[in-house]
Amino acid sequence: QVQLVESGGGLVQPGGSLRLSCAASGNILMFRIYAMGWYRQAPGAQRELVASIASYSSTNYADSVKGRFAISRDNAKNTVYLRMNSLKSEDTAVYYCNNIGQHWAWGQGTQVTVSS
């Protein structure tokens, strides 16, 4: 199993930027070979996948964040990142990371609030 800890969220004004981090521990070999994703869940909404990155660093994005968010991974540091630029109020959510497929246990997430 892999344990995941998200960090880096906060309160930011519209148009601002944040960088989220997801630190993995436990079965690191498994972490390094799995595609990873950043998910978010807004109040009253279902959790959605916003960005994913393969083990070899190919990336994909939801249309709602394309051109504004960038996912990356550093397997040497067992960490996945999400750089978020030009943030909008509709990006407000709790952000989680997990693998793509049969998920490991979810972490606590990190709250992102975009508000003036």
PDB file of N, CA and C in Angstrom:
ATOM      1  N   GLN A   1       0.832  -1.209   0.000  1.00  0.00           N
ATOM      2  CA  GLN A   1       0.000   0.000   0.000  1.00  0.00           C
ATOM      3  C   GLN A   1       0.858   1.247   0.000  1.00  0.00           C
ATOM      4  N   VAL A   2       0.240   2.313  -0.434  1.00  0.00           N
ATOM      5  CA  VAL A   2       0.905   3.613  -0.496  1.00  0.00           C
ATOM      6  C   VAL A   2       0.100   4.593   0.345  1.00  0.00           C
ATOM      7  N   GLN A   3       0.772   5.368   1.150  1.00  0.00           N
ATOM      8  CA  GLN A   3       0.130   6.423   1.923  1.00  0.00           C
ATOM      9  C   GLN A   3       0.414   7.763   1.246  1.00  0.00           C
ATOM     10  N   LEU A   4      -0.598   8.616   1.200  1.00  0.00           N
ATOM     11  CA  LEU A   4      -0.516   9.886   0.477  1.00  0.00           C
ATOM     12  C   LEU A   4      -0.853  11.043   1.406  1.00  0.00           C
ATOM     13  N   VAL A   5      -0.043  12.092   1.353  1.00  0.00           N
ATOM     14  CA  VAL A   5      -0.282  13.280   2.164  1.00  0.00           C
ATOM     15  C   VAL A   5      -0.214  14.504   1.253  1.00  0.00           C
ATOM     16  N   GLU A   6      -1.336  15.208   1.153  1.00  0.00           N
ATOM     17  CA  GLU A   6      -1.417  16.404   0.316  1.00  0.00           C
ATOM     18  C   GLU A   6      -1.144  17.656   1.157  1.00  0.00           C
ATOM     19  N   SER A   7      -0.558  18.665   0.516  1.00  0.00           N
ATOM     20  CA  SER A   7      -0.295  19.929   1.190  1.00  0.00           C
ATOM     21  C   SER A   7      -0.215  21.052   0.160  1.00  0.00           C
ATOM     22  N   GLY A   8      -0.203  22.282   0.658  1.00  0.00           N
ATOM     23  CA  GLY A   8       0.006  23.428  -0.217  1.00  0.00           C
ATOM     24  C   GLY A   8      -1.229  24.255  -0.517  1.00  0.00           C
ATOM     25  N   GLY A   9      -2.380  23.823  -0.037  1.00  0.00           N
ATOM     26  CA  GLY A   9      -3.596  24.589  -0.290  1.00  0.00           C
ATOM     27  C   GLY A   9      -3.634  25.861   0.530  1.00  0.00           C
ATOM     28  N   GLY A  10      -4.683  26.643   0.306  1.00  0.00           N
ATOM     29  CA  GLY A  10      -4.839  27.882   1.051  1.00  0.00           C
ATOM     30  C   GLY A  10      -5.880  28.773   0.425  1.00  0.00           C
ATOM     31  N   LEU A  11      -5.936  29.995   0.918  1.00  0.00           N
ATOM     32  CA  LEU A  11      -6.850  31.006   0.397  1.00  0.00           C
ATOM     33  C   LEU A  11      -6.085  31.891  -0.587  1.00  0.00           C
ATOM     34  N   VAL A  12      -6.629  32.057  -1.769  1.00  0.00           N
ATOM     35  CA  VAL A  12      -5.964  32.855  -2.798  1.00  0.00           C
ATOM     36  C   VAL A  12      -7.011  33.667  -3.550  1.00  0.00           C
ATOM     37  N   GLN A  13      -6.615  34.831  -4.020  1.00  0.00           N
ATOM     38  CA  GLN A  13      -7.539  35.669  -4.779  1.00  0.00           C
ATOM     39  C   GLN A  13      -7.676  35.144  -6.202  1.00  0.00           C
ATOM     40  N   PRO A  14      -8.794  35.460  -6.844  1.00  0.00           N
ATOM     41  CA  PRO A  14      -8.945  35.085  -8.265  1.00  0.00           C
ATOM     42  C   PRO A  14      -7.773  35.608  -9.084  1.00  0.00           C
ATOM     43  N   GLY A  15      -7.268  34.749  -9.974  1.00  0.00           N
ATOM     44  CA  GLY A  15      -6.102  35.094 -10.769  1.00  0.00           C
ATOM     45  C   GLY A  15      -4.790  34.692 -10.141  1.00  0.00           C
ATOM     46  N   GLY A  16      -4.827  34.265  -8.894  1.00  0.00           N
ATOM     47  CA  GLY A  16      -3.621  33.881  -8.188  1.00  0.00           C
ATOM     48  C   GLY A  16      -3.158  32.474  -8.526  1.00  0.00           C
ATOM     49  N   SER A  17      -2.088  32.064  -7.845  1.00  0.00           N
ATOM     50  CA  SER A  17      -1.465  30.772  -8.101  1.00  0.00           C
ATOM     51  C   SER A  17      -1.195  30.028  -6.800  1.00  0.00           C
ATOM     52  N   LEU A  18      -1.159  28.710  -6.911  1.00  0.00           N
ATOM     53  CA  LEU A  18      -0.767  27.840  -5.807  1.00  0.00           C
ATOM     54  C   LEU A  18      -0.034  26.636  -6.388  1.00  0.00           C
ATOM     55  N   ARG A  19       0.818  26.026  -5.569  1.00  0.00           N
ATOM     56  CA  ARG A  19       1.410  24.747  -5.942  1.00  0.00           C
ATOM     57  C   ARG A  19       1.104  23.730  -4.852  1.00  0.00           C
ATOM     58  N   LEU A  20       0.422  22.679  -5.247  1.00  0.00           N
ATOM     59  CA  LEU A  20       0.092  21.586  -4.331  1.00  0.00           C
ATOM     60  C   LEU A  20       1.148  20.494  -4.425  1.00  0.00           C
ATOM     61  N   SER A  21       1.365  19.810  -3.311  1.00  0.00           N
ATOM     62  CA  SER A  21       2.291  18.689  -3.269  1.00  0.00           C
ATOM     63  C   SER A  21       1.581  17.472  -2.705  1.00  0.00           C
ATOM     64  N   CYS A  22       1.992  16.303  -3.179  1.00  0.00           N
ATOM     65  CA  CYS A  22       1.466  15.033  -2.691  1.00  0.00           C
ATOM     66  C   CYS A  22       2.662  14.134  -2.424  1.00  0.00           C
ATOM     67  N   ALA A  23       2.904  13.875  -1.152  1.00  0.00           N
ATOM     68  CA  ALA A  23       4.043  13.051  -0.755  1.00  0.00           C
ATOM     69  C   ALA A  23       3.586  11.619  -0.513  1.00  0.00           C
ATOM     70  N   ALA A  24       4.287  10.692  -1.121  1.00  0.00           N
ATOM     71  CA  ALA A  24       3.953   9.270  -0.996  1.00  0.00           C
ATOM     72  C   ALA A  24       4.941   8.576  -0.075  1.00  0.00           C
ATOM     73  N   SER A  25       4.444   7.603   0.657  1.00  0.00           N
ATOM     74  CA  SER A  25       5.290   6.755   1.498  1.00  0.00           C
ATOM     75  C   SER A  25       4.712   5.344   1.457  1.00  0.00           C
ATOM     76  N   GLY A  26       5.445   4.402   2.037  1.00  0.00           N
ATOM     77  CA  GLY A  26       4.995   3.010   2.010  1.00  0.00           C
ATOM     78  C   GLY A  26       5.619   2.288   0.835  1.00  0.00           C
ATOM     79  N   ASN A  27       4.809   1.724  -0.050  1.00  0.00           N
ATOM     80  CA  ASN A  27       5.291   0.948  -1.190  1.00  0.00           C
ATOM     81  C   ASN A  27       5.690   1.907  -2.328  1.00  0.00           C
ATOM     82  N   ILE A  28       6.900   2.419  -2.230  1.00  0.00           N
ATOM     83  CA  ILE A  28       7.350   3.451  -3.166  1.00  0.00           C
ATOM     84  C   ILE A  28       7.509   2.910  -4.582  1.00  0.00           C
ATOM     85  N   LEU A  29       7.897   1.659  -4.716  1.00  0.00           N
ATOM     86  CA  LEU A  29       8.016   1.073  -6.051  1.00  0.00           C
ATOM     87  C   LEU A  29       6.675   1.108  -6.759  1.00  0.00           C
ATOM     88  N   MET A  30       5.613   0.779  -6.030  1.00  0.00           N
ATOM     89  CA  MET A  30       4.272   0.827  -6.598  1.00  0.00           C
ATOM     90  C   MET A  30       3.928   2.262  -7.008  1.00  0.00           C
ATOM     91  N   PHE A  31       4.242   3.231  -6.139  1.00  0.00           N
ATOM     92  CA  PHE A  31       3.966   4.635  -6.466  1.00  0.00           C
ATOM     93  C   PHE A  31       4.645   5.013  -7.770  1.00  0.00           C
ATOM     94  N   ARG A  32       5.884   4.596  -7.956  1.00  0.00           N
ATOM     95  CA  ARG A  32       6.673   5.038  -9.107  1.00  0.00           C
ATOM     96  C   ARG A  32       6.189   4.454 -10.421  1.00  0.00           C
ATOM     97  N   ILE A  33       5.517   3.311 -10.412  1.00  0.00           N
ATOM     98  CA  ILE A  33       5.082   2.704 -11.662  1.00  0.00           C
ATOM     99  C   ILE A  33       3.634   3.038 -12.014  1.00  0.00           C
ATOM    100  N   TYR A  34       2.890   3.601 -11.064  1.00  0.00           N
ATOM    101  CA  TYR A  34       1.487   3.923 -11.332  1.00  0.00           C
ATOM    102  C   TYR A  34       1.343   5.321 -11.927  1.00  0.00           C
ATOM    103  N   ALA A  35       0.365   5.467 -12.809  1.00  0.00           N
ATOM    104  CA  ALA A  35      -0.068   6.806 -13.187  1.00  0.00           C
ATOM    105  C   ALA A  35      -0.751   7.429 -11.976  1.00  0.00           C
ATOM    106  N   MET A  36      -0.523   8.717 -11.788  1.00  0.00           N
ATOM    107  CA  MET A  36      -1.078   9.437 -10.647  1.00  0.00           C
ATOM    108  C   MET A  36      -1.972  10.569 -11.116  1.00  0.00           C
ATOM    109  N   GLY A  37      -2.924  10.929 -10.262  1.00  0.00           N
ATOM    110  CA  GLY A  37      -3.838  12.000 -10.613  1.00  0.00           C
ATOM    111  C   GLY A  37      -4.108  12.929  -9.449  1.00  0.00           C
ATOM    112  N   TRP A  38      -4.482  14.144  -9.805  1.00  0.00           N
ATOM    113  CA  TRP A  38      -5.031  15.085  -8.827  1.00  0.00           C
ATOM    114  C   TRP A  38      -6.538  15.139  -9.045  1.00  0.00           C
ATOM    115  N   TYR A  39      -7.265  14.987  -7.960  1.00  0.00           N
ATOM    116  CA  TYR A  39      -8.711  15.019  -7.964  1.00  0.00           C
ATOM    117  C   TYR A  39      -9.164  16.192  -7.090  1.00  0.00           C
ATOM    118  N   ARG A  40     -10.395  16.624  -7.298  1.00  0.00           N
ATOM    119  CA  ARG A  40     -10.939  17.645  -6.417  1.00  0.00           C
ATOM    120  C   ARG A  40     -12.411  17.375  -6.171  1.00  0.00           C
ATOM    121  N   GLN A  41     -12.846  17.858  -5.010  1.00  0.00           N
ATOM    122  CA  GLN A  41     -14.252  17.696  -4.642  1.00  0.00           C
ATOM    123  C   GLN A  41     -14.745  18.995  -4.032  1.00  0.00           C
ATOM    124  N   ALA A  42     -15.674  19.618  -4.731  1.00  0.00           N
ATOM    125  CA  ALA A  42     -16.301  20.840  -4.238  1.00  0.00           C
ATOM    126  C   ALA A  42     -17.501  20.467  -3.368  1.00  0.00           C
ATOM    127  N   PRO A  43     -17.940  21.355  -2.498  1.00  0.00           N
ATOM    128  CA  PRO A  43     -19.097  21.059  -1.648  1.00  0.00           C
ATOM    129  C   PRO A  43     -20.317  20.660  -2.477  1.00  0.00           C
ATOM    130  N   GLY A  44     -20.920  19.530  -2.117  1.00  0.00           N
ATOM    131  CA  GLY A  44     -22.117  19.073  -2.796  1.00  0.00           C
ATOM    132  C   GLY A  44     -21.886  18.441  -4.149  1.00  0.00           C
ATOM    133  N   ALA A  45     -20.621  18.287  -4.531  1.00  0.00           N
ATOM    134  CA  ALA A  45     -20.306  17.734  -5.845  1.00  0.00           C
ATOM    135  C   ALA A  45     -19.540  16.427  -5.712  1.00  0.00           C
ATOM    136  N   GLN A  46     -19.486  15.679  -6.802  1.00  0.00           N
ATOM    137  CA  GLN A  46     -18.706  14.445  -6.788  1.00  0.00           C
ATOM    138  C   GLN A  46     -17.230  14.767  -6.997  1.00  0.00           C
ATOM    139  N   ARG A  47     -16.393  13.871  -6.538  1.00  0.00           N
ATOM    140  CA  ARG A  47     -14.964  14.011  -6.763  1.00  0.00           C
ATOM    141  C   ARG A  47     -14.680  13.852  -8.249  1.00  0.00           C
ATOM    142  N   GLU A  48     -13.834  14.749  -8.791  1.00  0.00           N
ATOM    143  CA  GLU A  48     -13.515  14.691 -10.205  1.00  0.00           C
ATOM    144  C   GLU A  48     -12.011  14.701 -10.407  1.00  0.00           C
ATOM    145  N   LEU A  49     -11.591  14.042 -11.485  1.00  0.00           N
ATOM    146  CA  LEU A  49     -10.186  14.018 -11.857  1.00  0.00           C
ATOM    147  C   LEU A  49      -9.879  15.278 -12.657  1.00  0.00           C
ATOM    148  N   VAL A  50      -8.854  16.031 -12.258  1.00  0.00           N
ATOM    149  CA  VAL A  50      -8.523  17.249 -12.986  1.00  0.00           C
ATOM    150  C   VAL A  50      -7.221  17.137 -13.765  1.00  0.00           C
ATOM    151  N   ALA A  51      -6.312  16.281 -13.334  1.00  0.00           N
ATOM    152  CA  ALA A  51      -5.036  16.144 -14.036  1.00  0.00           C
ATOM    153  C   ALA A  51      -4.437  14.783 -13.726  1.00  0.00           C
ATOM    154  N   SER A  52      -3.739  14.214 -14.702  1.00  0.00           N
ATOM    155  CA  SER A  52      -3.086  12.931 -14.477  1.00  0.00           C
ATOM    156  C   SER A  52      -1.726  12.919 -15.138  1.00  0.00           C
ATOM    157  N   ILE A  53      -0.861  12.067 -14.616  1.00  0.00           N
ATOM    158  CA  ILE A  53       0.487  11.942 -15.159  1.00  0.00           C
ATOM    159  C   ILE A  53       0.893  10.479 -15.102  1.00  0.00           C
ATOM    160  N   ALA A  54       1.374   9.975 -16.234  1.00  0.00           N
ATOM    161  CA  ALA A  54       1.824   8.592 -16.298  1.00  0.00           C
ATOM    162  C   ALA A  54       3.186   8.452 -15.626  1.00  0.00           C
ATOM    163  N   SER A  55       3.606   7.225 -15.446  1.00  0.00           N
ATOM    164  CA  SER A  55       4.899   6.985 -14.804  1.00  0.00           C
ATOM    165  C   SER A  55       6.033   7.577 -15.630  1.00  0.00           C
ATOM    166  N   TYR A  56       5.817   7.661 -16.946  1.00  0.00           N
ATOM    167  CA  TYR A  56       6.838   8.210 -17.837  1.00  0.00           C
ATOM    168  C   TYR A  56       6.563   9.664 -18.175  1.00  0.00           C
ATOM    169  N   SER A  57       5.630  10.301 -17.403  1.00  0.00           N
ATOM    170  CA  SER A  57       5.372  11.744 -17.409  1.00  0.00           C
ATOM    171  C   SER A  57       4.493  12.276 -18.517  1.00  0.00           C
ATOM    172  N   SER A  58       3.802  11.434 -19.258  1.00  0.00           N
ATOM    173  CA  SER A  58       2.753  11.912 -20.154  1.00  0.00           C
ATOM    174  C   SER A  58       1.599  12.449 -19.307  1.00  0.00           C
ATOM    175  N   THR A  59       1.026  13.590 -19.711  1.00  0.00           N
ATOM    176  CA  THR A  59       0.005  14.243 -18.891  1.00  0.00           C
ATOM    177  C   THR A  59      -1.315  14.405 -19.627  1.00  0.00           C
ATOM    178  N   ASN A  60      -2.395  14.517 -18.835  1.00  0.00           N
ATOM    179  CA  ASN A  60      -3.720  14.815 -19.364  1.00  0.00           C
ATOM    180  C   ASN A  60      -4.436  15.727 -18.390  1.00  0.00           C
ATOM    181  N   TYR A  61      -5.349  16.549 -18.920  1.00  0.00           N
ATOM    182  CA  TYR A  61      -6.059  17.526 -18.093  1.00  0.00           C
ATOM    183  C   TYR A  61      -7.537  17.565 -18.442  1.00  0.00           C
ATOM    184  N   ALA A  62      -8.345  17.848 -17.425  1.00  0.00           N
ATOM    185  CA  ALA A  62      -9.747  18.141 -17.674  1.00  0.00           C
ATOM    186  C   ALA A  62      -9.840  19.458 -18.433  1.00  0.00           C
ATOM    187  N   ASP A  63     -10.862  19.580 -19.269  1.00  0.00           N
ATOM    188  CA  ASP A  63     -11.021  20.803 -20.066  1.00  0.00           C
ATOM    189  C   ASP A  63     -11.092  22.047 -19.184  1.00  0.00           C
ATOM    190  N   SER A  64     -11.660  21.902 -18.005  1.00  0.00           N
ATOM    191  CA  SER A  64     -11.864  23.056 -17.132  1.00  0.00           C
ATOM    192  C   SER A  64     -10.560  23.654 -16.601  1.00  0.00           C
ATOM    193  N   VAL A  65      -9.463  22.887 -16.638  1.00  0.00           N
ATOM    194  CA  VAL A  65      -8.200  23.381 -16.089  1.00  0.00           C
ATOM    195  C   VAL A  65      -7.094  23.438 -17.133  1.00  0.00           C
ATOM    196  N   LYS A  66      -7.384  22.973 -18.332  1.00  0.00           N
ATOM    197  CA  LYS A  66      -6.363  22.912 -19.370  1.00  0.00           C
ATOM    198  C   LYS A  66      -5.806  24.309 -19.652  1.00  0.00           C
ATOM    199  N   GLY A  67      -4.482  24.398 -19.700  1.00  0.00           N
ATOM    200  CA  GLY A  67      -3.835  25.680 -19.936  1.00  0.00           C
ATOM    201  C   GLY A  67      -3.582  26.482 -18.674  1.00  0.00           C
ATOM    202  N   ARG A  68      -4.168  26.063 -17.554  1.00  0.00           N
ATOM    203  CA  ARG A  68      -3.988  26.791 -16.285  1.00  0.00           C
ATOM    204  C   ARG A  68      -3.252  25.947 -15.241  1.00  0.00           C
ATOM    205  N   PHE A  69      -3.479  24.643 -15.273  1.00  0.00           N
ATOM    206  CA  PHE A  69      -2.871  23.737 -14.286  1.00  0.00           C
ATOM    207  C   PHE A  69      -1.772  22.923 -14.965  1.00  0.00           C
ATOM    208  N   ALA A  70      -0.768  22.546 -14.183  1.00  0.00           N
ATOM    209  CA  ALA A  70       0.305  21.690 -14.684  1.00  0.00           C
ATOM    210  C   ALA A  70       0.667  20.658 -13.615  1.00  0.00           C
ATOM    211  N   ILE A  71       0.591  19.389 -13.998  1.00  0.00           N
ATOM    212  CA  ILE A  71       0.938  18.308 -13.089  1.00  0.00           C
ATOM    213  C   ILE A  71       2.349  17.829 -13.406  1.00  0.00           C
ATOM    214  N   SER A  72       3.079  17.475 -12.374  1.00  0.00           N
ATOM    215  CA  SER A  72       4.423  16.948 -12.563  1.00  0.00           C
ATOM    216  C   SER A  72       4.699  15.956 -11.444  1.00  0.00           C
ATOM    217  N   ARG A  73       5.748  15.182 -11.619  1.00  0.00           N
ATOM    218  CA  ARG A  73       6.127  14.238 -10.576  1.00  0.00           C
ATOM    219  C   ARG A  73       7.646  14.161 -10.476  1.00  0.00           C
ATOM    220  N   ASP A  74       8.110  13.907  -9.267  1.00  0.00           N
ATOM    221  CA  ASP A  74       9.522  13.710  -9.000  1.00  0.00           C
ATOM    222  C   ASP A  74       9.624  12.375  -8.278  1.00  0.00           C
ATOM    223  N   ASN A  75       9.922  11.322  -9.021  1.00  0.00           N
ATOM    224  CA  ASN A  75       9.946   9.995  -8.415  1.00  0.00           C
ATOM    225  C   ASN A  75      11.095   9.850  -7.419  1.00  0.00           C
ATOM    226  N   ALA A  76      12.142  10.634  -7.583  1.00  0.00           N
ATOM    227  CA  ALA A  76      13.249  10.579  -6.620  1.00  0.00           C
ATOM    228  C   ALA A  76      12.811  11.105  -5.249  1.00  0.00           C
ATOM    229  N   LYS A  77      11.835  12.022  -5.263  1.00  0.00           N
ATOM    230  CA  LYS A  77      11.305  12.584  -4.021  1.00  0.00           C
ATOM    231  C   LYS A  77       9.962  11.977  -3.650  1.00  0.00           C
ATOM    232  N   ASN A  78       9.500  11.027  -4.440  1.00  0.00           N
ATOM    233  CA  ASN A  78       8.212  10.357  -4.177  1.00  0.00           C
ATOM    234  C   ASN A  78       7.087  11.379  -4.033  1.00  0.00           C
ATOM    235  N   THR A  79       7.058  12.346  -4.940  1.00  0.00           N
ATOM    236  CA  THR A  79       6.117  13.457  -4.821  1.00  0.00           C
ATOM    237  C   THR A  79       5.503  13.791  -6.171  1.00  0.00           C
ATOM    238  N   VAL A  80       4.229  14.124  -6.125  1.00  0.00           N
ATOM    239  CA  VAL A  80       3.512  14.628  -7.294  1.00  0.00           C
ATOM    240  C   VAL A  80       3.086  16.055  -6.985  1.00  0.00           C
ATOM    241  N   TYR A  81       3.177  16.920  -7.981  1.00  0.00           N
ATOM    242  CA  TYR A  81       2.844  18.338  -7.806  1.00  0.00           C
ATOM    243  C   TYR A  81       1.692  18.741  -8.717  1.00  0.00           C
ATOM    244  N   LEU A  82       1.009  19.805  -8.309  1.00  0.00           N
ATOM    245  CA  LEU A  82       0.021  20.436  -9.179  1.00  0.00           C
ATOM    246  C   LEU A  82       0.213  21.933  -9.081  1.00  0.00           C
ATOM    247  N   ARG A  83       0.689  22.512 -10.158  1.00  0.00           N
ATOM    248  CA  ARG A  83       0.837  23.958 -10.236  1.00  0.00           C
ATOM    249  C   ARG A  83      -0.464  24.510 -10.793  1.00  0.00           C
ATOM    250  N   MET A  84      -1.065  25.438 -10.083  1.00  0.00           N
ATOM    251  CA  MET A  84      -2.346  26.016 -10.480  1.00  0.00           C
ATOM    252  C   MET A  84      -2.187  27.513 -10.669  1.00  0.00           C
ATOM    253  N   ASN A  85      -2.431  27.973 -11.879  1.00  0.00           N
ATOM    254  CA  ASN A  85      -2.354  29.393 -12.219  1.00  0.00           C
ATOM    255  C   ASN A  85      -3.725  29.922 -12.628  1.00  0.00           C
ATOM    256  N   SER A  86      -3.864  31.221 -12.641  1.00  0.00           N
ATOM    257  CA  SER A  86      -5.110  31.866 -13.080  1.00  0.00           C
ATOM    258  C   SER A  86      -6.320  31.248 -12.392  1.00  0.00           C
ATOM    259  N   LEU A  87      -6.227  31.117 -11.100  1.00  0.00           N
ATOM    260  CA  LEU A  87      -7.274  30.431 -10.346  1.00  0.00           C
ATOM    261  C   LEU A  87      -8.588  31.195 -10.400  1.00  0.00           C
ATOM    262  N   LYS A  88      -9.675  30.427 -10.427  1.00  0.00           N
ATOM    263  CA  LYS A  88     -11.028  30.961 -10.495  1.00  0.00           C
ATOM    264  C   LYS A  88     -11.804  30.496  -9.265  1.00  0.00           C
ATOM    265  N   SER A  89     -12.893  31.161  -8.988  1.00  0.00           N
ATOM    266  CA  SER A  89     -13.709  30.784  -7.828  1.00  0.00           C
ATOM    267  C   SER A  89     -14.203  29.345  -7.952  1.00  0.00           C
ATOM    268  N   GLU A  90     -14.442  28.905  -9.185  1.00  0.00           N
ATOM    269  CA  GLU A  90     -14.933  27.542  -9.378  1.00  0.00           C
ATOM    270  C   GLU A  90     -13.863  26.478  -9.156  1.00  0.00           C
ATOM    271  N   ASP A  91     -12.633  26.888  -8.920  1.00  0.00           N
ATOM    272  CA  ASP A  91     -11.584  25.929  -8.557  1.00  0.00           C
ATOM    273  C   ASP A  91     -11.600  25.613  -7.059  1.00  0.00           C
ATOM    274  N   THR A  92     -12.420  26.317  -6.317  1.00  0.00           N
ATOM    275  CA  THR A  92     -12.517  26.072  -4.884  1.00  0.00           C
ATOM    276  C   THR A  92     -12.984  24.650  -4.618  1.00  0.00           C
ATOM    277  N   ALA A  93     -12.204  23.909  -3.852  1.00  0.00           N
ATOM    278  CA  ALA A  93     -12.490  22.498  -3.575  1.00  0.00           C
ATOM    279  C   ALA A  93     -11.426  21.956  -2.640  1.00  0.00           C
ATOM    280  N   VAL A  94     -11.659  20.741  -2.160  1.00  0.00           N
ATOM    281  CA  VAL A  94     -10.608  19.985  -1.499  1.00  0.00           C
ATOM    282  C   VAL A  94      -9.921  19.162  -2.583  1.00  0.00           C
ATOM    283  N   TYR A  95      -8.591  19.246  -2.625  1.00  0.00           N
ATOM    284  CA  TYR A  95      -7.811  18.561  -3.641  1.00  0.00           C
ATOM    285  C   TYR A  95      -7.117  17.343  -3.039  1.00  0.00           C
ATOM    286  N   TYR A  96      -7.188  16.247  -3.777  1.00  0.00           N
ATOM    287  CA  TYR A  96      -6.607  14.984  -3.363  1.00  0.00           C
ATOM    288  C   TYR A  96      -5.724  14.430  -4.478  1.00  0.00           C
ATOM    289  N   CYS A  97      -4.768  13.613  -4.110  1.00  0.00           N
ATOM    290  CA  CYS A  97      -4.043  12.850  -5.123  1.00  0.00           C
ATOM    291  C   CYS A  97      -4.303  11.369  -4.879  1.00  0.00           C
ATOM    292  N   ASN A  98      -4.192  10.592  -5.934  1.00  0.00           N
ATOM    293  CA  ASN A  98      -4.315   9.155  -5.859  1.00  0.00           C
ATOM    294  C   ASN A  98      -3.893   8.577  -7.189  1.00  0.00           C
ATOM    295  N   ASN A  99      -3.803   7.270  -7.248  1.00  0.00           N
ATOM    296  CA  ASN A  99      -3.430   6.673  -8.520  1.00  0.00           C
ATOM    297  C   ASN A  99      -4.626   6.660  -9.461  1.00  0.00           C
ATOM    298  N   ILE A 100      -4.364   6.328 -10.700  1.00  0.00           N
ATOM    299  CA  ILE A 100      -5.419   6.195 -11.704  1.00  0.00           C
ATOM    300  C   ILE A 100      -5.765   4.720 -11.773  1.00  0.00           C
ATOM    301  N   GLY A 101      -6.983   4.389 -11.364  1.00  0.00           N
ATOM    302  CA  GLY A 101      -7.360   2.989 -11.365  1.00  0.00           C
ATOM    303  C   GLY A 101      -7.899   2.585 -10.009  1.00  0.00           C
ATOM    304  N   GLN A 102      -7.432   1.480  -9.508  1.00  0.00           N
ATOM    305  CA  GLN A 102      -7.901   1.013  -8.202  1.00  0.00           C
ATOM    306  C   GLN A 102      -7.169   1.798  -7.125  1.00  0.00           C
ATOM    307  N   HIS A 103      -7.918   2.758  -6.536  1.00  0.00           N
ATOM    308  CA  HIS A 103      -7.281   3.745  -5.663  1.00  0.00           C
ATOM    309  C   HIS A 103      -6.741   3.134  -4.395  1.00  0.00           C
ATOM    310  N   TRP A 104      -5.661   3.749  -3.912  1.00  0.00           N
ATOM    311  CA  TRP A 104      -5.196   3.502  -2.560  1.00  0.00           C
ATOM    312  C   TRP A 104      -6.075   4.303  -1.601  1.00  0.00           C
ATOM    313  N   ALA A 105      -5.832   4.160  -0.301  1.00  0.00           N
ATOM    314  CA  ALA A 105      -6.600   4.925   0.675  1.00  0.00           C
ATOM    315  C   ALA A 105      -6.407   6.427   0.417  1.00  0.00           C
ATOM    316  N   TRP A 106      -7.500   7.163   0.490  1.00  0.00           N
ATOM    317  CA  TRP A 106      -7.419   8.610   0.260  1.00  0.00           C
ATOM    318  C   TRP A 106      -6.759   9.317   1.430  1.00  0.00           C
ATOM    319  N   GLY A 107      -5.975  10.332   1.114  1.00  0.00           N
ATOM    320  CA  GLY A 107      -5.416  11.180   2.148  1.00  0.00           C
ATOM    321  C   GLY A 107      -6.455  12.165   2.654  1.00  0.00           C
ATOM    322  N   GLN A 108      -6.005  13.115   3.458  1.00  0.00           N
ATOM    323  CA  GLN A 108      -6.938  14.083   4.029  1.00  0.00           C
ATOM    324  C   GLN A 108      -7.273  15.210   3.055  1.00  0.00           C
ATOM    325  N   GLY A 109      -6.502  15.323   2.004  1.00  0.00           N
ATOM    326  CA  GLY A 109      -6.730  16.386   1.036  1.00  0.00           C
ATOM    327  C   GLY A 109      -6.184  17.715   1.529  1.00  0.00           C
ATOM    328  N   THR A 110      -6.209  18.695   0.645  1.00  0.00           N
ATOM    329  CA  THR A 110      -5.793  20.048   0.996  1.00  0.00           C
ATOM    330  C   THR A 110      -6.817  21.028   0.415  1.00  0.00           C
ATOM    331  N   GLN A 111      -7.288  21.939   1.246  1.00  0.00           N
ATOM    332  CA  GLN A 111      -8.346  22.862   0.858  1.00  0.00           C
ATOM    333  C   GLN A 111      -7.778  24.011   0.029  1.00  0.00           C
ATOM    334  N   VAL A 112      -8.403  24.255  -1.102  1.00  0.00           N
ATOM    335  CA  VAL A 112      -8.092  25.416  -1.940  1.00  0.00           C
ATOM    336  C   VAL A 112      -9.338  26.279  -1.998  1.00  0.00           C
ATOM    337  N   THR A 113      -9.194  27.521  -1.581  1.00  0.00           N
ATOM    338  CA  THR A 113     -10.307  28.471  -1.617  1.00  0.00           C
ATOM    339  C   THR A 113      -9.889  29.672  -2.435  1.00  0.00           C
ATOM    340  N   VAL A 114     -10.653  29.943  -3.492  1.00  0.00           N
ATOM    341  CA  VAL A 114     -10.368  31.079  -4.367  1.00  0.00           C
ATOM    342  C   VAL A 114     -11.465  32.110  -4.147  1.00  0.00           C
ATOM    343  N   SER A 115     -11.083  33.207  -3.546  1.00  0.00           N
ATOM    344  CA  SER A 115     -12.075  34.219  -3.186  1.00  0.00           C
ATOM    345  C   SER A 115     -11.393  35.559  -2.994  1.00  0.00           C
ATOM    346  N   SER A 116     -12.127  36.611  -3.326  1.00  0.00           N
ATOM    347  CA  SER A 116     -11.607  37.957  -3.094  1.00  0.00           C
ATOM    348  C   SER A 116     -12.066  38.479  -1.741  1.00  0.00           C
TER     349      SER A 116
END
